[in-house]
């Protein structure tokens, strides 16, 4: 190359680098611009091309006002839900005093076939003067000794109106907490909208007068200023609800959580021979039973079955210990071995009942989902 061309040859790589940087910057600006347009209210996507719908000051103002109403409703709902959660499980909560009594696990299997109540103690009858008299047939059939003989046993066939399932209370509580917290649409924040997204692109309405366009523009500017003040208040309201939820869960009675663990332990025992059923499946079916009023009777039957299962397992362990206390070739060993086998068969029967209830719940859940 001629000597006069050497400086230009040295500058060529620098110029190419500058050109590449300019191209990269242009591509970045183009992508950012498309993303900005896509995030604007009124943007429409057709194929791969973004098209921004035409918007005047009045339309932009209406969008800002709708957004303002949404944020104000979040602030109000957050305040009410926070107050409700802070009162939950306190002296101000009426439902706290209505907590169901949690029964202790049975130590022996309940007598399934015993529909007879416990006979009353034999009474000594007296005459009108207070002297002891001899019993007669009229005393036997007077009803004193026979009342209550046909009463149902303690565990089984309970009146759900007087003794509702314990898990229905726990399930309703969980649903209330979910509705009042992150799962509630009342405190779900909309997508963040910035002033440039509302103001940018808006123009005068050709069908409106200059005065009206000026008023709409001024109103939009005021709304934008109000929105910038509302956003942090709405975010704080939602955060307050979440914090109140955490405090309410800490005050939640441990008896309910322990009882649910007992039920889950019994349900997992019933499905221990079915590895395809996971704990998450059982929890989802149990949650449906606890919250669906149509399945209230099934939930009561499930609790009763788990109570019976607990008693049967406890008695089975007792019979096993009793059997092993004798020599294997003794008659007592054989007798207790038969009792152990019969109790194991009863446990299998109760486990089948539990599986049937949950499988019915699963089928109903699938039917609701398809419908």
Foldseek 3Di string as FASTA:
>chain_A
DDPVCVVVVVCVVVVVVVVVVVVVVVVVVVVVVVVLQVPFPQWDDDDPDIDHDAAALQRLLVVLVVLLVLLVLLLVLLVVLLVVLLCALHPNDPCVVVQDDDDDFALAFDDPPQQFDDFDDDDFDDDPVRHTDDDDPCVVPVCNGRPRGRHGDPQPDDDCVVVFFNLLVVLVVVVVLCCSAPNPPSLDRDPDDALCSSPPNHHHDPVDDPVVSVVSNVSSVVSNVVVVVSVVSSVVSNVSSVVSSVVSVVSPDVVSVVVVVLLLVLLCVLCVVPVVQDSVLVVVLSSCCNHPPVNRVLSSVSVSLSSSLSNLVSVLVVLVVQLVVDDCPDPSNVVSVVVNVVSVVVNNVSSVSNVVSSVVSVVVVVVVVVD
